[in-house]
Amino acid sequence: MSKKSNLIKLGDAINQLFKAEKLDVKISQFSVKNSWKEIVGELISKNTSEISFNNKTVYIALNSAALKHELSFRKQEIIGSINKFCGYKLVDTLVIK
């Protein structure tokens, strides 16, 4: 009679914990904030004063009115860049302040 093993790989256990506690999303949000320049480029990054998340929405505050206007037409492109960086759909909506 063989005994069934309840052992799982450490990496799988950590991934399960991250998903259960939604830490994977928080880590991705932190990574996006820290890699903002790489994701959106230097011009946008230099003019960004704040980045925050609420559920699947990212809020960015910009210092330039002209850049706000330009980015209002490029929201989907930025959302795509963020999601590509994370490797999954972290963001659905972008709000520019």
N, C-alpha and C. Protein backbone atom coordinates (compact mmCIF):
# COMPACT_ATOMS: atom_id res chain seq x y z
N MET A 1 0.85 -1.16 0.00
CA MET A 1 0.00 0.00 0.00
C MET A 1 0.90 1.23 0.00
N SER A 2 0.75 2.07 -1.00
CA SER A 2 1.60 3.25 -1.07
C SER A 2 0.88 4.45 -0.46
N LYS A 3 1.66 5.23 0.23
CA LYS A 3 1.12 6.42 0.88
C LYS A 3 1.23 7.60 -0.09
N LYS A 4 0.15 8.36 -0.23
CA LYS A 4 0.15 9.51 -1.13
C LYS A 4 0.90 10.67 -0.47
N SER A 5 1.79 11.28 -1.23
CA SER A 5 2.62 12.36 -0.70
C SER A 5 1.92 13.70 -0.91
N ASN A 6 1.94 14.55 0.11
CA ASN A 6 1.37 15.88 0.03
C ASN A 6 2.44 16.94 -0.20
N LEU A 7 3.61 16.52 -0.61
CA LEU A 7 4.71 17.43 -0.82
C LEU A 7 4.52 18.20 -2.13
N ILE A 8 4.84 19.49 -2.08
CA ILE A 8 4.82 20.30 -3.30
C ILE A 8 6.14 21.07 -3.36
N LYS A 9 6.46 21.54 -4.52
CA LYS A 9 7.70 22.29 -4.70
C LYS A 9 7.61 23.62 -3.96
N LEU A 10 8.73 24.07 -3.44
CA LEU A 10 8.79 25.33 -2.71
C LEU A 10 8.32 26.50 -3.58
N GLY A 11 8.75 26.54 -4.83
CA GLY A 11 8.34 27.61 -5.73
C GLY A 11 6.84 27.64 -5.93
N ASP A 12 6.23 26.46 -6.05
CA ASP A 12 4.78 26.38 -6.21
C ASP A 12 4.06 26.85 -4.95
N ALA A 13 4.61 26.52 -3.80
CA ALA A 13 4.01 26.95 -2.53
C ALA A 13 4.08 28.47 -2.40
N ILE A 14 5.21 29.05 -2.79
CA ILE A 14 5.36 30.52 -2.73
C ILE A 14 4.38 31.19 -3.69
N ASN A 15 4.26 30.65 -4.90
CA ASN A 15 3.31 31.21 -5.87
C ASN A 15 1.88 31.13 -5.36
N GLN A 16 1.52 30.03 -4.73
CA GLN A 16 0.18 29.89 -4.17
C GLN A 16 -0.05 30.91 -3.06
N LEU A 17 0.94 31.12 -2.22
CA LEU A 17 0.83 32.11 -1.15
C LEU A 17 0.67 33.51 -1.73
N PHE A 18 1.48 33.86 -2.73
CA PHE A 18 1.40 35.18 -3.36
C PHE A 18 0.02 35.42 -3.94
N LYS A 19 -0.52 34.41 -4.62
CA LYS A 19 -1.84 34.58 -5.23
C LYS A 19 -2.94 34.66 -4.18
N ALA A 20 -2.82 33.86 -3.14
CA ALA A 20 -3.83 33.87 -2.08
C ALA A 20 -3.87 35.21 -1.36
N GLU A 21 -2.72 35.80 -1.16
CA GLU A 21 -2.64 37.08 -0.44
C GLU A 21 -2.61 38.28 -1.39
N LYS A 22 -2.73 38.02 -2.69
CA LYS A 22 -2.67 39.05 -3.74
C LYS A 22 -1.36 39.84 -3.70
N LEU A 23 -0.31 39.18 -3.25
CA LEU A 23 1.00 39.81 -3.21
C LEU A 23 1.60 39.94 -4.60
N ASP A 24 1.22 39.03 -5.52
CA ASP A 24 1.75 39.11 -6.88
C ASP A 24 1.34 40.42 -7.54
N VAL A 25 0.12 40.88 -7.29
CA VAL A 25 -0.36 42.15 -7.85
C VAL A 25 0.40 43.31 -7.22
N LYS A 26 0.58 43.27 -5.92
CA LYS A 26 1.29 44.35 -5.23
C LYS A 26 2.75 44.43 -5.68
N ILE A 27 3.38 43.30 -5.87
CA ILE A 27 4.75 43.29 -6.35
C ILE A 27 4.82 43.83 -7.77
N SER A 28 3.87 43.48 -8.61
CA SER A 28 3.83 44.00 -9.98
C SER A 28 3.62 45.51 -9.98
N GLN A 29 2.75 46.00 -9.12
CA GLN A 29 2.52 47.45 -9.04
C GLN A 29 3.80 48.16 -8.60
N PHE A 30 4.48 47.60 -7.63
CA PHE A 30 5.75 48.16 -7.16
C PHE A 30 6.77 48.17 -8.29
N SER A 31 6.83 47.08 -9.05
CA SER A 31 7.78 46.98 -10.16
C SER A 31 7.48 48.00 -11.24
N VAL A 32 6.20 48.23 -11.52
CA VAL A 32 5.81 49.23 -12.53
C VAL A 32 6.27 50.61 -12.08
N LYS A 33 6.04 50.94 -10.82
CA LYS A 33 6.47 52.25 -10.31
C LYS A 33 7.99 52.41 -10.43
N ASN A 34 8.73 51.38 -10.07
CA ASN A 34 10.19 51.45 -10.10
C ASN A 34 10.76 51.42 -11.51
N SER A 35 10.02 50.89 -12.47
CA SER A 35 10.50 50.77 -13.84
C SER A 35 9.74 51.70 -14.78
N TRP A 36 9.11 52.73 -14.24
CA TRP A 36 8.26 53.63 -15.03
C TRP A 36 9.01 54.20 -16.23
N LYS A 37 10.26 54.62 -16.04
CA LYS A 37 11.05 55.21 -17.13
C LYS A 37 11.24 54.20 -18.25
N GLU A 38 11.51 52.96 -17.90
CA GLU A 38 11.70 51.90 -18.90
C GLU A 38 10.40 51.61 -19.64
N ILE A 39 9.27 51.70 -18.97
CA ILE A 39 7.98 51.36 -19.56
C ILE A 39 7.48 52.46 -20.50
N VAL A 40 7.57 53.72 -20.07
CA VAL A 40 6.95 54.81 -20.85
C VAL A 40 7.94 55.75 -21.51
N GLY A 41 9.20 55.66 -21.18
CA GLY A 41 10.20 56.53 -21.77
C GLY A 41 10.56 57.69 -20.85
N GLU A 42 11.67 58.35 -21.19
CA GLU A 42 12.21 59.39 -20.32
C GLU A 42 11.32 60.63 -20.24
N LEU A 43 10.78 61.08 -21.36
CA LEU A 43 9.97 62.31 -21.36
C LEU A 43 8.75 62.19 -20.44
N ILE A 44 8.01 61.12 -20.59
CA ILE A 44 6.83 60.91 -19.75
C ILE A 44 7.25 60.71 -18.30
N SER A 45 8.30 59.92 -18.10
CA SER A 45 8.78 59.64 -16.75
C SER A 45 9.19 60.91 -16.02
N LYS A 46 9.92 61.80 -16.70
CA LYS A 46 10.37 63.05 -16.06
C LYS A 46 9.20 63.95 -15.68
N ASN A 47 8.10 63.86 -16.42
CA ASN A 47 6.95 64.71 -16.17
C ASN A 47 5.87 64.04 -15.32
N THR A 48 6.13 62.85 -14.82
CA THR A 48 5.19 62.14 -13.96
C THR A 48 5.51 62.47 -12.51
N SER A 49 4.52 62.98 -11.79
CA SER A 49 4.74 63.32 -10.39
C SER A 49 4.19 62.27 -9.43
N GLU A 50 3.27 61.44 -9.91
CA GLU A 50 2.66 60.44 -9.02
C GLU A 50 2.10 59.29 -9.84
N ILE A 51 2.24 58.07 -9.32
CA ILE A 51 1.66 56.87 -9.91
C ILE A 51 0.98 56.12 -8.78
N SER A 52 -0.30 55.78 -8.96
CA SER A 52 -1.00 54.99 -7.94
C SER A 52 -1.93 54.00 -8.62
N PHE A 53 -2.29 52.98 -7.89
CA PHE A 53 -3.15 51.91 -8.40
C PHE A 53 -4.36 51.73 -7.51
N ASN A 54 -5.48 51.39 -8.13
CA ASN A 54 -6.69 51.01 -7.41
C ASN A 54 -7.35 49.93 -8.24
N ASN A 55 -7.33 48.72 -7.75
CA ASN A 55 -7.80 47.56 -8.50
C ASN A 55 -7.07 47.48 -9.82
N LYS A 56 -7.76 47.52 -10.94
CA LYS A 56 -7.12 47.40 -12.26
C LYS A 56 -6.99 48.75 -12.95
N THR A 57 -6.98 49.83 -12.16
CA THR A 57 -6.85 51.18 -12.70
C THR A 57 -5.54 51.78 -12.21
N VAL A 58 -4.80 52.41 -13.13
CA VAL A 58 -3.58 53.13 -12.75
C VAL A 58 -3.86 54.62 -12.94
N TYR A 59 -3.48 55.39 -11.94
CA TYR A 59 -3.64 56.85 -11.96
C TYR A 59 -2.25 57.46 -12.07
N ILE A 60 -2.08 58.36 -13.04
CA ILE A 60 -0.80 59.06 -13.15
C ILE A 60 -1.06 60.56 -13.13
N ALA A 61 -0.23 61.26 -12.39
CA ALA A 61 -0.30 62.73 -12.33
C ALA A 61 0.88 63.27 -13.12
N LEU A 62 0.59 64.19 -14.05
CA LEU A 62 1.63 64.76 -14.90
C LEU A 62 1.79 66.24 -14.62
N ASN A 63 3.00 66.75 -14.86
CA ASN A 63 3.31 68.15 -14.64
C ASN A 63 3.04 69.02 -15.87
N SER A 64 2.83 68.42 -17.02
CA SER A 64 2.71 69.15 -18.28
C SER A 64 1.32 69.00 -18.87
N ALA A 65 0.65 70.13 -19.08
CA ALA A 65 -0.69 70.10 -19.68
C ALA A 65 -0.64 69.57 -21.11
N ALA A 66 0.39 69.94 -21.87
CA ALA A 66 0.53 69.48 -23.25
C ALA A 66 0.71 67.96 -23.29
N LEU A 67 1.50 67.44 -22.35
CA LEU A 67 1.72 65.99 -22.29
C LEU A 67 0.44 65.27 -21.87
N LYS A 68 -0.32 65.84 -20.96
CA LYS A 68 -1.61 65.25 -20.56
C LYS A 68 -2.50 65.09 -21.78
N HIS A 69 -2.55 66.13 -22.60
CA HIS A 69 -3.39 66.10 -23.79
C HIS A 69 -2.91 65.02 -24.76
N GLU A 70 -1.60 64.95 -24.98
CA GLU A 70 -1.05 63.95 -25.90
C GLU A 70 -1.32 62.54 -25.40
N LEU A 71 -1.12 62.32 -24.11
CA LEU A 71 -1.28 60.97 -23.56
C LEU A 71 -2.75 60.54 -23.51
N SER A 72 -3.66 61.49 -23.52
CA SER A 72 -5.07 61.12 -23.54
C SER A 72 -5.40 60.32 -24.81
N PHE A 73 -4.61 60.52 -25.87
CA PHE A 73 -4.80 59.77 -27.11
C PHE A 73 -3.99 58.48 -27.13
N ARG A 74 -3.09 58.30 -26.18
CA ARG A 74 -2.20 57.13 -26.16
C ARG A 74 -2.44 56.23 -24.96
N LYS A 75 -3.61 56.32 -24.34
CA LYS A 75 -3.89 55.54 -23.13
C LYS A 75 -3.75 54.04 -23.37
N GLN A 76 -4.32 53.54 -24.45
CA GLN A 76 -4.28 52.10 -24.72
C GLN A 76 -2.85 51.61 -24.94
N GLU A 77 -2.04 52.45 -25.57
CA GLU A 77 -0.63 52.10 -25.79
C GLU A 77 0.11 51.96 -24.45
N ILE A 78 -0.14 52.88 -23.54
CA ILE A 78 0.51 52.84 -22.23
C ILE A 78 0.02 51.64 -21.42
N ILE A 79 -1.29 51.39 -21.45
CA ILE A 79 -1.85 50.22 -20.77
C ILE A 79 -1.20 48.95 -21.31
N GLY A 80 -1.06 48.87 -22.63
CA GLY A 80 -0.42 47.71 -23.25
C GLY A 80 1.03 47.55 -22.82
N SER A 81 1.74 48.67 -22.71
CA SER A 81 3.15 48.62 -22.28
C SER A 81 3.27 48.14 -20.83
N ILE A 82 2.37 48.60 -19.98
CA ILE A 82 2.39 48.17 -18.57
C ILE A 82 2.11 46.67 -18.48
N ASN A 83 1.07 46.22 -19.17
CA ASN A 83 0.69 44.81 -19.12
C ASN A 83 1.78 43.91 -19.73
N LYS A 84 2.41 44.38 -20.80
CA LYS A 84 3.50 43.62 -21.42
C LYS A 84 4.67 43.50 -20.45
N PHE A 85 4.99 44.60 -19.75
CA PHE A 85 6.07 44.59 -18.78
C PHE A 85 5.80 43.56 -17.68
N CYS A 86 4.56 43.49 -17.21
CA CYS A 86 4.20 42.57 -16.11
C CYS A 86 4.05 41.13 -16.58
N GLY A 87 3.72 40.95 -17.84
CA GLY A 87 3.51 39.60 -18.35
C GLY A 87 2.09 39.09 -18.17
N TYR A 88 1.21 39.93 -17.67
CA TYR A 88 -0.20 39.60 -17.53
C TYR A 88 -1.00 40.90 -17.46
N LYS A 89 -2.32 40.81 -17.46
CA LYS A 89 -3.17 41.99 -17.50
C LYS A 89 -3.33 42.59 -16.10
N LEU A 90 -2.41 43.47 -15.74
CA LEU A 90 -2.43 44.15 -14.45
C LEU A 90 -3.42 45.34 -14.48
N VAL A 91 -3.48 46.02 -15.63
CA VAL A 91 -4.22 47.27 -15.73
C VAL A 91 -5.25 47.20 -16.86
N ASP A 92 -6.47 47.69 -16.57
CA ASP A 92 -7.53 47.83 -17.58
C ASP A 92 -7.72 49.28 -18.00
N THR A 93 -7.51 50.19 -17.03
CA THR A 93 -7.86 51.60 -17.23
C THR A 93 -6.70 52.48 -16.79
N LEU A 94 -6.52 53.58 -17.52
CA LEU A 94 -5.52 54.59 -17.18
C LEU A 94 -6.24 55.93 -17.00
N VAL A 95 -6.00 56.55 -15.85
CA VAL A 95 -6.58 57.87 -15.57
C VAL A 95 -5.43 58.84 -15.44
N ILE A 96 -5.50 59.92 -16.23
CA ILE A 96 -4.44 60.94 -16.21
C ILE A 96 -4.96 62.14 -15.45
N LYS A 97 -4.18 62.54 -14.42
CA LYS A 97 -4.57 63.69 -13.60
C LYS A 97 -3.69 64.88 -13.94
